[in-house]
Amino acid sequence: MKQIWNLPKVDLMPFSEIEDKRESLLVTSGPAWNAVKENLKGLNIQAQLEITEANTEHWDNRKSSIENQKFEVVYAIGGGLVADAAKYFASKLNLPLVVLPTALSVDAFITAASGIRKDGCVYYIETKVPERLILDFETIAKAPAFIRAAGITDVMSIATGAWDWKFAHEQGKNPAGMEFIPWVYDNAQSILCGVLDCAEAAGRGDHDGLKTLYDCLAMEVQLCNQVGHSRPEEGSEHYFAYAIENEMGHGLPHGDLVGPAILLIAKLQGQDIAPLEKALKACNVPLSNIPQGMIERTLKILPAYSRRHNLSFGITHTL
């Protein structure tokens, strides 16, 4: 590990109070922009890119349309896909990045990498951390219920991801640089407890509950930053989500895939899934959008899939 990434500076404020006269490149999605554009009259937007795919070919194609324009800052308004693309653009253009989430749907708003779909799996490429994150809890509370607090899945994956990490340690399968660290494992468990406690409040759009959910997302990300990898919070539940998305095709949001995967993998690991299911339901994470036949098919191919994509050792490798 050559560096330890930071978290963005966070401002808690209404979007309507933003005043930024810098010439801005806006990266967004149609629904997100339509939901908040009336509150963002204080931006000096020179060009707008709408993102629909998570791959560098699409991003480079969109970037080519603004090659001859000059900007002073990149703004990302929307969800995780938008944030990942904006981090890519800001990194390539060497510009500061400001992210305005319209829902707490993922942890991508505050990480230093962008997730891309490639060869049937999800890979992470180093991009950059946003310089600034603006949280408008009134806007987030008004987001569709199923994505408003779906980012809880990226914290609740500690339940299964950290289990995998410890399991890999016991099997002697953790490579150099990913050695099991008991105090990191214990810290991850405390963050998991925090997010389970705030699930009901965050799910109904309570501002304090949403703030606590953000705190847990931030602590999960920074814990992984400190150790230089994501083993404390990413394991077989994400592998299942990657594999089933490849089987079904893109379309379902991140939480719709990872949420059910957490329950499925936790059960295979012998864990009590009742508190996990309660929290997911409290945050309105859909748990039945994946057909049962597709779940069974994915479980059959998951061991070979995990090995083929060199995914870190977990219970999926032993199914």
C-alpha atoms as a PDB file:
ATOM      1  CA  MET A   1       0.000   0.000   0.000  1.00  0.00           C
ATOM      2  CA  LYS A   2       1.579   3.256  -1.157  1.00  0.00           C
ATOM      3  CA  GLN A   3      -1.037   5.719   0.021  1.00  0.00           C
ATOM      4  CA  ILE A   4      -4.064   6.059   2.282  1.00  0.00           C
ATOM      5  CA  TRP A   5      -7.045   7.757   0.670  1.00  0.00           C
ATOM      6  CA  ASN A   6      -9.107  10.380   2.461  1.00  0.00           C
ATOM      7  CA  LEU A   7     -12.814  11.164   2.606  1.00  0.00           C
ATOM      8  CA  PRO A   8     -14.339  14.249   0.957  1.00  0.00           C
ATOM      9  CA  LYS A   9     -15.108  17.420   2.837  1.00  0.00           C
ATOM     10  CA  VAL A  10     -18.844  17.319   3.596  1.00  0.00           C
ATOM     11  CA  ASP A  11     -21.250  20.248   3.662  1.00  0.00           C
ATOM     12  CA  LEU A  12     -24.724  19.698   5.098  1.00  0.00           C
ATOM     13  CA  MET A  13     -26.872  22.227   3.264  1.00  0.00           C
ATOM     14  CA  PRO A  14     -29.837  22.606   0.891  1.00  0.00           C
ATOM     15  CA  PHE A  15     -28.934  22.408  -2.784  1.00  0.00           C
ATOM     16  CA  SER A  16     -30.789  25.695  -3.274  1.00  0.00           C
ATOM     17  CA  GLU A  17     -28.099  27.514  -1.274  1.00  0.00           C
ATOM     18  CA  ILE A  18     -25.241  26.450  -3.573  1.00  0.00           C
ATOM     19  CA  GLU A  19     -23.592  29.392  -5.343  1.00  0.00           C
ATOM     20  CA  ASP A  20     -20.687  28.471  -7.608  1.00  0.00           C
ATOM     21  CA  LYS A  21     -19.787  30.671 -10.561  1.00  0.00           C
ATOM     22  CA  ARG A  22     -17.010  28.405 -11.820  1.00  0.00           C
ATOM     23  CA  GLU A  23     -17.562  27.006 -15.295  1.00  0.00           C
ATOM     24  CA  SER A  24     -18.941  23.565 -14.570  1.00  0.00           C
ATOM     25  CA  LEU A  25     -19.212  20.232 -16.321  1.00  0.00           C
ATOM     26  CA  LEU A  26     -22.351  18.501 -15.054  1.00  0.00           C
ATOM     27  CA  VAL A  27     -22.443  14.694 -14.925  1.00  0.00           C
ATOM     28  CA  THR A  28     -25.887  13.332 -14.132  1.00  0.00           C
ATOM     29  CA  SER A  29     -28.782  11.068 -15.054  1.00  0.00           C
ATOM     30  CA  GLY A  30     -32.070  12.249 -16.488  1.00  0.00           C
ATOM     31  CA  PRO A  31     -34.305  11.344 -13.511  1.00  0.00           C
ATOM     32  CA  ALA A  32     -31.890  12.750 -10.920  1.00  0.00           C
ATOM     33  CA  TRP A  33     -31.402  16.037 -12.748  1.00  0.00           C
ATOM     34  CA  ASN A  34     -35.127  16.492 -13.325  1.00  0.00           C
ATOM     35  CA  ALA A  35     -35.754  15.958  -9.616  1.00  0.00           C
ATOM     36  CA  VAL A  36     -33.405  18.707  -8.412  1.00  0.00           C
ATOM     37  CA  LYS A  37     -32.653  21.121 -11.264  1.00  0.00           C
ATOM     38  CA  GLU A  38     -35.028  23.802  -9.995  1.00  0.00           C
ATOM     39  CA  ASN A  39     -32.962  23.982  -6.796  1.00  0.00           C
ATOM     40  CA  LEU A  40     -29.628  24.405  -8.581  1.00  0.00           C
ATOM     41  CA  LYS A  41     -29.912  27.808 -10.196  1.00  0.00           C
ATOM     42  CA  GLY A  42     -26.636  28.799  -8.520  1.00  0.00           C
ATOM     43  CA  LEU A  43     -24.477  26.638 -10.788  1.00  0.00           C
ATOM     44  CA  ASN A  44     -22.736  27.868 -13.930  1.00  0.00           C
ATOM     45  CA  ILE A  45     -23.240  24.772 -16.102  1.00  0.00           C
ATOM     46  CA  GLN A  46     -21.397  24.891 -19.423  1.00  0.00           C
ATOM     47  CA  ALA A  47     -22.013  21.291 -20.549  1.00  0.00           C
ATOM     48  CA  GLN A  48     -24.048  18.323 -19.367  1.00  0.00           C
ATOM     49  CA  LEU A  49     -23.272  14.610 -19.769  1.00  0.00           C
ATOM     50  CA  GLU A  50     -25.905  11.978 -19.012  1.00  0.00           C
ATOM     51  CA  ILE A  51     -24.494   8.583 -18.033  1.00  0.00           C
ATOM     52  CA  THR A  52     -26.238   5.287 -18.721  1.00  0.00           C
ATOM     53  CA  GLU A  53     -23.482   2.645 -18.648  1.00  0.00           C
ATOM     54  CA  ALA A  54     -20.663   1.610 -16.301  1.00  0.00           C
ATOM     55  CA  ASN A  55     -17.748   1.109 -18.646  1.00  0.00           C
ATOM     56  CA  THR A  56     -14.841   3.251 -19.805  1.00  0.00           C
ATOM     57  CA  GLU A  57     -15.781   2.919 -23.478  1.00  0.00           C
ATOM     58  CA  HIS A  58     -19.095   4.677 -22.787  1.00  0.00           C
ATOM     59  CA  TRP A  59     -17.418   7.259 -20.568  1.00  0.00           C
ATOM     60  CA  ASP A  60     -14.698   8.009 -23.111  1.00  0.00           C
ATOM     61  CA  ASN A  61     -17.326   8.347 -25.816  1.00  0.00           C
ATOM     62  CA  ARG A  62     -19.257  10.850 -23.712  1.00  0.00           C
ATOM     63  CA  LYS A  63     -16.029  12.675 -22.831  1.00  0.00           C
ATOM     64  CA  SER A  64     -15.147  13.088 -26.522  1.00  0.00           C
ATOM     65  CA  SER A  65     -18.185  15.345 -26.942  1.00  0.00           C
ATOM     66  CA  ILE A  66     -16.649  17.994 -24.661  1.00  0.00           C
ATOM     67  CA  GLU A  67     -12.975  17.660 -25.668  1.00  0.00           C
ATOM     68  CA  ASN A  68     -12.673  21.241 -26.900  1.00  0.00           C
ATOM     69  CA  GLN A  69     -14.390  22.854 -23.930  1.00  0.00           C
ATOM     70  CA  LYS A  70     -12.720  24.242 -20.823  1.00  0.00           C
ATOM     71  CA  PHE A  71     -14.100  23.727 -17.338  1.00  0.00           C
ATOM     72  CA  GLU A  72     -13.067  24.666 -13.825  1.00  0.00           C
ATOM     73  CA  VAL A  73     -14.974  22.014 -11.867  1.00  0.00           C
ATOM     74  CA  VAL A  74     -17.008  18.826 -12.327  1.00  0.00           C
ATOM     75  CA  TYR A  75     -20.371  18.412 -10.598  1.00  0.00           C
ATOM     76  CA  ALA A  76     -21.956  14.976 -10.158  1.00  0.00           C
ATOM     77  CA  ILE A  77     -25.677  14.889  -9.414  1.00  0.00           C
ATOM     78  CA  GLY A  78     -27.385  11.544  -9.016  1.00  0.00           C
ATOM     79  CA  GLY A  79     -26.496   8.038  -7.843  1.00  0.00           C
ATOM     80  CA  GLY A  80     -23.529   5.697  -7.797  1.00  0.00           C
ATOM     81  CA  LEU A  81     -23.162   5.287 -11.554  1.00  0.00           C
ATOM     82  CA  VAL A  82     -23.047   9.052 -11.986  1.00  0.00           C
ATOM     83  CA  ALA A  83     -20.522   9.427  -9.158  1.00  0.00           C
ATOM     84  CA  ASP A  84     -18.244   6.732 -10.600  1.00  0.00           C
ATOM     85  CA  ALA A  85     -18.314   8.317 -14.054  1.00  0.00           C
ATOM     86  CA  ALA A  86     -17.736  11.803 -12.641  1.00  0.00           C
ATOM     87  CA  LYS A  87     -14.716  10.589 -10.681  1.00  0.00           C
ATOM     88  CA  TYR A  88     -13.355   9.198 -13.938  1.00  0.00           C
ATOM     89  CA  PHE A  89     -13.930  12.459 -15.826  1.00  0.00           C
ATOM     90  CA  ALA A  90     -12.534  14.639 -13.035  1.00  0.00           C
ATOM     91  CA  SER A  91      -9.448  12.443 -12.841  1.00  0.00           C
ATOM     92  CA  LYS A  92      -8.881  12.522 -16.603  1.00  0.00           C
ATOM     93  CA  LEU A  93      -9.481  16.283 -16.822  1.00  0.00           C
ATOM     94  CA  ASN A  94      -7.500  17.021 -13.643  1.00  0.00           C
ATOM     95  CA  LEU A  95     -10.398  19.006 -12.197  1.00  0.00           C
ATOM     96  CA  PRO A  96     -11.922  19.250  -8.723  1.00  0.00           C
ATOM     97  CA  LEU A  97     -15.108  17.253  -8.179  1.00  0.00           C
ATOM     98  CA  VAL A  98     -18.230  18.114  -6.194  1.00  0.00           C
ATOM     99  CA  VAL A  99     -20.792  15.346  -5.650  1.00  0.00           C
ATOM    100  CA  LEU A 100     -24.464  15.922  -4.835  1.00  0.00           C
ATOM    101  CA  PRO A 101     -26.161  12.580  -4.066  1.00  0.00           C
ATOM    102  CA  THR A 102     -29.894  12.501  -4.684  1.00  0.00           C
ATOM    103  CA  ALA A 103     -30.166   9.331  -2.548  1.00  0.00           C
ATOM    104  CA  LEU A 104     -27.882   7.437  -0.164  1.00  0.00           C
ATOM    105  CA  SER A 105     -27.884   4.463  -2.503  1.00  0.00           C
ATOM    106  CA  VAL A 106     -24.202   3.331  -2.445  1.00  0.00           C
ATOM    107  CA  ASP A 107     -20.802   4.191  -0.977  1.00  0.00           C
ATOM    108  CA  ALA A 108     -19.386   5.247  -4.382  1.00  0.00           C
ATOM    109  CA  PHE A 109     -19.844   8.933  -3.510  1.00  0.00           C
ATOM    110  CA  ILE A 110     -16.851   8.830  -1.177  1.00  0.00           C
ATOM    111  CA  THR A 111     -14.477   6.193  -2.542  1.00  0.00           C
ATOM    112  CA  ALA A 112     -11.332   6.683  -4.613  1.00  0.00           C
ATOM    113  CA  ALA A 113     -12.252   4.110  -7.255  1.00  0.00           C
ATOM    114  CA  SER A 114     -14.858   3.721  -9.982  1.00  0.00           C
ATOM    115  CA  GLY A 115     -16.658   0.449 -10.608  1.00  0.00           C
ATOM    116  CA  ILE A 116     -16.779  -0.720 -14.215  1.00  0.00           C
ATOM    117  CA  ARG A 117     -18.419  -3.726 -15.881  1.00  0.00           C
ATOM    118  CA  LYS A 118     -15.919  -5.779 -17.857  1.00  0.00           C
ATOM    119  CA  ASP A 119     -15.842  -9.395 -19.040  1.00  0.00           C
ATOM    120  CA  GLY A 120     -18.933 -10.278 -17.032  1.00  0.00           C
ATOM    121  CA  CYS A 121     -17.715  -8.933 -13.689  1.00  0.00           C
ATOM    122  CA  VAL A 122     -17.221  -5.675 -11.802  1.00  0.00           C
ATOM    123  CA  TYR A 123     -13.721  -4.258 -11.512  1.00  0.00           C
ATOM    124  CA  TYR A 124     -12.511  -1.158  -9.721  1.00  0.00           C
ATOM    125  CA  ILE A 125     -10.174   1.353 -11.316  1.00  0.00           C
ATOM    126  CA  GLU A 126      -8.420   4.034  -9.315  1.00  0.00           C
ATOM    127  CA  THR A 127      -9.824   7.485 -10.102  1.00  0.00           C
ATOM    128  CA  LYS A 128     -10.102  10.053  -7.312  1.00  0.00           C
ATOM    129  CA  VAL A 129     -11.942  11.071  -4.169  1.00  0.00           C
ATOM    130  CA  PRO A 130     -14.349  13.991  -4.594  1.00  0.00           C
ATOM    131  CA  GLU A 131     -13.040  17.163  -3.020  1.00  0.00           C
ATOM    132  CA  ARG A 132     -16.484  18.057  -1.736  1.00  0.00           C
ATOM    133  CA  LEU A 133     -19.706  16.221  -0.932  1.00  0.00           C
ATOM    134  CA  ILE A 134     -22.917  18.182  -0.395  1.00  0.00           C
ATOM    135  CA  LEU A 135     -25.666  16.385   1.523  1.00  0.00           C
ATOM    136  CA  ASP A 136     -29.169  17.807   1.336  1.00  0.00           C
ATOM    137  CA  PHE A 137     -31.143  15.497   3.596  1.00  0.00           C
ATOM    138  CA  GLU A 138     -34.453  17.047   2.543  1.00  0.00           C
ATOM    139  CA  THR A 139     -33.722  16.075  -1.066  1.00  0.00           C
ATOM    140  CA  ILE A 140     -32.514  12.603  -0.072  1.00  0.00           C
ATOM    141  CA  ALA A 141     -35.620  12.042   2.073  1.00  0.00           C
ATOM    142  CA  LYS A 142     -37.779  12.683  -0.995  1.00  0.00           C
ATOM    143  CA  ALA A 143     -35.986  10.091  -3.121  1.00  0.00           C
ATOM    144  CA  PRO A 144     -37.929   6.959  -4.134  1.00  0.00           C
ATOM    145  CA  ALA A 145     -38.143   4.721  -1.072  1.00  0.00           C
ATOM    146  CA  PHE A 146     -36.345   1.772  -2.668  1.00  0.00           C
ATOM    147  CA  ILE A 147     -33.145   3.773  -3.273  1.00  0.00           C
ATOM    148  CA  ARG A 148     -33.376   6.436  -0.540  1.00  0.00           C
ATOM    149  CA  ALA A 149     -31.277   4.447   1.937  1.00  0.00           C
ATOM    150  CA  ALA A 150     -30.213   1.473  -0.205  1.00  0.00           C
ATOM    151  CA  GLY A 151     -26.594   2.300   0.612  1.00  0.00           C
ATOM    152  CA  ILE A 152     -27.208   0.361   3.809  1.00  0.00           C
ATOM    153  CA  THR A 153     -26.330  -2.707   1.726  1.00  0.00           C
ATOM    154  CA  ASP A 154     -22.743  -1.481   1.293  1.00  0.00           C
ATOM    155  CA  VAL A 155     -22.395  -1.392   5.078  1.00  0.00           C
ATOM    156  CA  MET A 156     -24.428  -4.499   5.855  1.00  0.00           C
ATOM    157  CA  SER A 157     -22.154  -6.456   3.532  1.00  0.00           C
ATOM    158  CA  ILE A 158     -19.754  -6.308   6.489  1.00  0.00           C
ATOM    159  CA  ALA A 159     -21.827  -9.178   7.930  1.00  0.00           C
ATOM    160  CA  THR A 160     -20.858 -11.515   5.101  1.00  0.00           C
ATOM    161  CA  GLY A 161     -17.685  -9.886   3.789  1.00  0.00           C
ATOM    162  CA  ALA A 162     -15.901  -9.837   7.136  1.00  0.00           C
ATOM    163  CA  TRP A 163     -17.047 -13.426   7.751  1.00  0.00           C
ATOM    164  CA  ASP A 164     -15.387 -14.398   4.473  1.00  0.00           C
ATOM    165  CA  TRP A 165     -12.218 -12.548   5.446  1.00  0.00           C
ATOM    166  CA  LYS A 166     -11.975 -14.425   8.744  1.00  0.00           C
ATOM    167  CA  PHE A 167     -12.879 -17.710   7.022  1.00  0.00           C
ATOM    168  CA  ALA A 168     -10.128 -17.162   4.445  1.00  0.00           C
ATOM    169  CA  HIS A 169      -7.677 -16.538   7.295  1.00  0.00           C
ATOM    170  CA  GLU A 170      -8.656 -19.811   8.946  1.00  0.00           C
ATOM    171  CA  GLN A 171      -8.143 -21.610   5.639  1.00  0.00           C
ATOM    172  CA  GLY A 172      -4.803 -19.895   5.017  1.00  0.00           C
ATOM    173  CA  LYS A 173      -6.172 -18.223   1.878  1.00  0.00           C
ATOM    174  CA  ASN A 174      -5.531 -14.525   2.514  1.00  0.00           C
ATOM    175  CA  PRO A 175      -2.691 -13.236   0.331  1.00  0.00           C
ATOM    176  CA  ALA A 176       0.045 -10.859   1.463  1.00  0.00           C
ATOM    177  CA  GLY A 177      -1.432  -7.424   2.022  1.00  0.00           C
ATOM    178  CA  MET A 178      -4.834  -8.799   3.002  1.00  0.00           C
ATOM    179  CA  GLU A 179      -3.902 -10.505   6.247  1.00  0.00           C
ATOM    180  CA  PHE A 180      -6.693 -10.815   8.800  1.00  0.00           C
ATOM    181  CA  ILE A 181      -6.499  -8.068  11.452  1.00  0.00           C
ATOM    182  CA  PRO A 182      -8.690  -8.744  14.505  1.00  0.00           C
ATOM    183  CA  TRP A 183      -9.117  -5.121  15.582  1.00  0.00           C
ATOM    184  CA  VAL A 184     -10.176  -4.113  12.061  1.00  0.00           C
ATOM    185  CA  TYR A 185     -12.689  -6.966  12.066  1.00  0.00           C
ATOM    186  CA  ASP A 186     -14.020  -5.771  15.443  1.00  0.00           C
ATOM    187  CA  ASN A 187     -14.305  -2.182  14.216  1.00  0.00           C
ATOM    188  CA  ALA A 188     -16.233  -3.370  11.173  1.00  0.00           C
ATOM    189  CA  GLN A 189     -18.663  -5.195  13.438  1.00  0.00           C
ATOM    190  CA  SER A 190     -19.294  -2.017  15.431  1.00  0.00           C
ATOM    191  CA  ILE A 191     -20.066  -0.127  12.213  1.00  0.00           C
ATOM    192  CA  LEU A 192     -22.457  -2.911  11.245  1.00  0.00           C
ATOM    193  CA  CYS A 193     -24.223  -2.534  14.605  1.00  0.00           C
ATOM    194  CA  GLY A 194     -24.545   1.202  14.000  1.00  0.00           C
ATOM    195  CA  VAL A 195     -26.199   0.780  10.635  1.00  0.00           C
ATOM    196  CA  LEU A 196     -28.598  -1.883  11.917  1.00  0.00           C
ATOM    197  CA  ASP A 197     -29.643   0.531  14.656  1.00  0.00           C
ATOM    198  CA  CYS A 198     -30.364   3.410  12.249  1.00  0.00           C
ATOM    199  CA  ALA A 199     -32.103   1.371   9.549  1.00  0.00           C
ATOM    200  CA  GLU A 200     -35.671   2.184  10.518  1.00  0.00           C
ATOM    201  CA  ALA A 201     -35.052   5.935  10.803  1.00  0.00           C
ATOM    202  CA  ALA A 202     -33.011   6.108   7.601  1.00  0.00           C
ATOM    203  CA  GLY A 203     -35.576   4.067   5.715  1.00  0.00           C
ATOM    204  CA  ARG A 204     -38.400   6.454   6.524  1.00  0.00           C
ATOM    205  CA  GLY A 205     -36.283   9.471   5.549  1.00  0.00           C
ATOM    206  CA  ASP A 206     -35.629  10.826   9.034  1.00  0.00           C
ATOM    207  CA  HIS A 207     -32.784  13.333   8.741  1.00  0.00           C
ATOM    208  CA  ASP A 208     -30.907  12.067  11.795  1.00  0.00           C
ATOM    209  CA  GLY A 209     -31.274   8.506  10.544  1.00  0.00           C
ATOM    210  CA  LEU A 210     -29.921   9.456   7.131  1.00  0.00           C
ATOM    211  CA  LYS A 211     -27.004  11.281   8.776  1.00  0.00           C
ATOM    212  CA  THR A 212     -26.177   8.154  10.796  1.00  0.00           C
ATOM    213  CA  LEU A 213     -26.359   6.039   7.650  1.00  0.00           C
ATOM    214  CA  TYR A 214     -23.897   8.406   5.984  1.00  0.00           C
ATOM    215  CA  ASP A 215     -21.634   8.219   9.065  1.00  0.00           C
ATOM    216  CA  CYS A 216     -21.601   4.417   8.814  1.00  0.00           C
ATOM    217  CA  LEU A 217     -20.862   4.548   5.081  1.00  0.00           C
ATOM    218  CA  ALA A 218     -18.004   6.973   5.725  1.00  0.00           C
ATOM    219  CA  MET A 219     -16.523   4.872   8.527  1.00  0.00           C
ATOM    220  CA  GLU A 220     -16.788   1.689   6.431  1.00  0.00           C
ATOM    221  CA  VAL A 221     -14.998   3.366   3.521  1.00  0.00           C
ATOM    222  CA  GLN A 222     -12.281   4.903   5.683  1.00  0.00           C
ATOM    223  CA  LEU A 223     -11.673   1.639   7.520  1.00  0.00           C
ATOM    224  CA  CYS A 224     -10.999   0.012   4.157  1.00  0.00           C
ATOM    225  CA  ASN A 225      -8.853   2.983   3.142  1.00  0.00           C
ATOM    226  CA  GLN A 226      -6.718   2.466   6.236  1.00  0.00           C
ATOM    227  CA  VAL A 227      -5.989  -1.209   5.497  1.00  0.00           C
ATOM    228  CA  GLY A 228      -5.730  -0.747   1.729  1.00  0.00           C
ATOM    229  CA  HIS A 229      -8.400  -3.241   0.633  1.00  0.00           C
ATOM    230  CA  SER A 230     -12.116  -3.943   0.971  1.00  0.00           C
ATOM    231  CA  ARG A 231     -12.108  -7.379   2.595  1.00  0.00           C
ATOM    232  CA  PRO A 232     -13.823  -6.130   5.787  1.00  0.00           C
ATOM    233  CA  GLU A 233     -16.939  -5.268   3.775  1.00  0.00           C
ATOM    234  CA  GLU A 234     -16.851  -7.038   0.429  1.00  0.00           C
ATOM    235  CA  GLY A 235     -17.078 -10.768  -0.068  1.00  0.00           C
ATOM    236  CA  SER A 236     -19.341 -13.481  -1.417  1.00  0.00           C
ATOM    237  CA  GLU A 237     -22.441 -11.284  -1.299  1.00  0.00           C
ATOM    238  CA  HIS A 238     -20.884  -8.943  -3.876  1.00  0.00           C
ATOM    239  CA  TYR A 239     -19.593 -11.873  -5.936  1.00  0.00           C
ATOM    240  CA  PHE A 240     -23.135 -13.226  -6.133  1.00  0.00           C
ATOM    241  CA  ALA A 241     -24.435  -9.774  -7.124  1.00  0.00           C
ATOM    242  CA  TYR A 242     -21.809  -9.458  -9.877  1.00  0.00           C
ATOM    243  CA  ALA A 243     -22.533 -12.946 -11.205  1.00  0.00           C
ATOM    244  CA  ILE A 244     -26.303 -12.641 -11.216  1.00  0.00           C
ATOM    245  CA  GLU A 245     -26.155  -9.222 -12.871  1.00  0.00           C
ATOM    246  CA  ASN A 246     -24.070 -10.813 -15.606  1.00  0.00           C
ATOM    247  CA  GLU A 247     -26.667 -13.584 -15.988  1.00  0.00           C
ATOM    248  CA  MET A 248     -29.733 -11.300 -15.918  1.00  0.00           C
ATOM    249  CA  GLY A 249     -28.300  -8.283 -17.686  1.00  0.00           C
ATOM    250  CA  HIS A 250     -28.014  -4.769 -16.313  1.00  0.00           C
ATOM    251  CA  GLY A 251     -31.149  -3.113 -15.026  1.00  0.00           C
ATOM    252  CA  LEU A 252     -31.605  -3.710 -11.324  1.00  0.00           C
ATOM    253  CA  PRO A 253     -30.102  -1.145  -8.926  1.00  0.00           C
ATOM    254  CA  HIS A 254     -27.104  -2.110  -6.796  1.00  0.00           C
ATOM    255  CA  GLY A 255     -29.161  -2.534  -3.637  1.00  0.00           C
ATOM    256  CA  ASP A 256     -31.670  -4.829  -5.338  1.00  0.00           C
ATOM    257  CA  LEU A 257     -28.797  -7.227  -6.035  1.00  0.00           C
ATOM    258  CA  VAL A 258     -26.629  -6.918  -2.931  1.00  0.00           C
ATOM    259  CA  GLY A 259     -29.505  -6.858  -0.424  1.00  0.00           C
ATOM    260  CA  PRO A 260     -30.887 -10.313  -1.269  1.00  0.00           C
ATOM    261  CA  ALA A 261     -27.321 -11.587  -1.716  1.00  0.00           C
ATOM    262  CA  ILE A 262     -26.463 -10.637   1.877  1.00  0.00           C
ATOM    263  CA  LEU A 263     -29.329 -12.761   3.206  1.00  0.00           C
ATOM    264  CA  LEU A 264     -28.537 -15.664   0.889  1.00  0.00           C
ATOM    265  CA  ILE A 265     -24.814 -15.747   1.700  1.00  0.00           C
ATOM    266  CA  ALA A 266     -25.317 -15.124   5.434  1.00  0.00           C
ATOM    267  CA  LYS A 267     -27.623 -18.147   5.554  1.00  0.00           C
ATOM    268  CA  LEU A 268     -25.011 -20.278   3.780  1.00  0.00           C
ATOM    269  CA  GLN A 269     -22.468 -19.060   6.334  1.00  0.00           C
ATOM    270  CA  GLY A 270     -24.726 -20.227   9.166  1.00  0.00           C
ATOM    271  CA  GLN A 271     -25.560 -16.742  10.409  1.00  0.00           C
ATOM    272  CA  ASP A 272     -28.836 -15.538  11.918  1.00  0.00           C
ATOM    273  CA  ILE A 273     -30.389 -13.557   9.094  1.00  0.00           C
ATOM    274  CA  ALA A 274     -33.365 -12.166  11.049  1.00  0.00           C
ATOM    275  CA  PRO A 275     -31.739  -8.840  12.099  1.00  0.00           C
ATOM    276  CA  LEU A 276     -30.270  -8.405   8.628  1.00  0.00           C
ATOM    277  CA  GLU A 277     -33.606  -8.973   6.915  1.00  0.00           C
ATOM    278  CA  LYS A 278     -35.351  -6.609   9.334  1.00  0.00           C
ATOM    279  CA  ALA A 279     -32.885  -3.799   8.543  1.00  0.00           C
ATOM    280  CA  LEU A 280     -33.108  -4.300   4.782  1.00  0.00           C
ATOM    281  CA  LYS A 281     -36.895  -4.216   4.899  1.00  0.00           C
ATOM    282  CA  ALA A 282     -36.807  -1.106   7.088  1.00  0.00           C
ATOM    283  CA  CYS A 283     -34.764   0.620   4.386  1.00  0.00           C
ATOM    284  CA  ASN A 284     -37.215  -0.550   1.704  1.00  0.00           C
ATOM    285  CA  VAL A 285     -34.558  -2.579  -0.113  1.00  0.00           C
ATOM    286  CA  PRO A 286     -36.383  -4.893  -2.563  1.00  0.00           C
ATOM    287  CA  LEU A 287     -35.743  -8.526  -1.682  1.00  0.00           C
ATOM    288  CA  SER A 288     -37.802 -10.343  -4.302  1.00  0.00           C
ATOM    289  CA  ASN A 289     -36.787  -8.820  -7.635  1.00  0.00           C
ATOM    290  CA  ILE A 290     -34.510 -11.743  -8.541  1.00  0.00           C
ATOM    291  CA  PRO A 291     -36.329 -14.844  -9.862  1.00  0.00           C
ATOM    292  CA  GLN A 292     -35.751 -17.967  -7.761  1.00  0.00           C
ATOM    293  CA  GLY A 293     -34.641 -19.945 -10.809  1.00  0.00           C
ATOM    294  CA  MET A 294     -31.958 -17.356 -11.520  1.00  0.00           C
ATOM    295  CA  ILE A 295     -30.749 -17.537  -7.912  1.00  0.00           C
ATOM    296  CA  GLU A 296     -30.372 -21.320  -8.138  1.00  0.00           C
ATOM    297  CA  ARG A 297     -28.581 -21.077 -11.491  1.00  0.00           C
ATOM    298  CA  THR A 298     -26.164 -18.442 -10.162  1.00  0.00           C
ATOM    299  CA  LEU A 299     -25.320 -20.462  -7.058  1.00  0.00           C
ATOM    300  CA  LYS A 300     -24.330 -23.383  -9.284  1.00  0.00           C
ATOM    301  CA  ILE A 301     -21.922 -21.325 -11.361  1.00  0.00           C
ATOM    302  CA  LEU A 302     -20.656 -19.127  -8.502  1.00  0.00           C
ATOM    303  CA  PRO A 303     -17.606 -21.203  -7.419  1.00  0.00           C
ATOM    304  CA  ALA A 304     -16.210 -21.315 -10.963  1.00  0.00           C
ATOM    305  CA  TYR A 305     -17.152 -17.657 -11.522  1.00  0.00           C
ATOM    306  CA  SER A 306     -15.303 -16.586  -8.359  1.00  0.00           C
ATOM    307  CA  ARG A 307     -12.178 -18.460  -9.352  1.00  0.00           C
ATOM    308  CA  ARG A 308     -12.274 -17.290 -12.977  1.00  0.00           C
ATOM    309  CA  HIS A 309     -12.358 -13.650 -11.921  1.00  0.00           C
ATOM    310  CA  ASN A 310      -9.737 -14.130  -9.173  1.00  0.00           C
ATOM    311  CA  LEU A 311     -12.120 -12.925  -6.469  1.00  0.00           C
ATOM    312  CA  SER A 312     -10.740 -13.082  -2.931  1.00  0.00           C
ATOM    313  CA  PHE A 313     -11.407 -16.384  -1.160  1.00  0.00           C
ATOM    314  CA  GLY A 314     -14.766 -16.759   0.511  1.00  0.00           C
ATOM    315  CA  ILE A 315     -17.526 -19.256   1.080  1.00  0.00           C
ATOM    316  CA  THR A 316     -18.483 -19.110  -2.603  1.00  0.00           C
ATOM    317  CA  HIS A 317     -15.257 -20.923  -3.455  1.00  0.00           C
ATOM    318  CA  THR A 318     -16.364 -23.925  -1.345  1.00  0.00           C
ATOM    319  CA  LEU A 319     -19.977 -24.321  -2.452  1.00  0.00           C
END
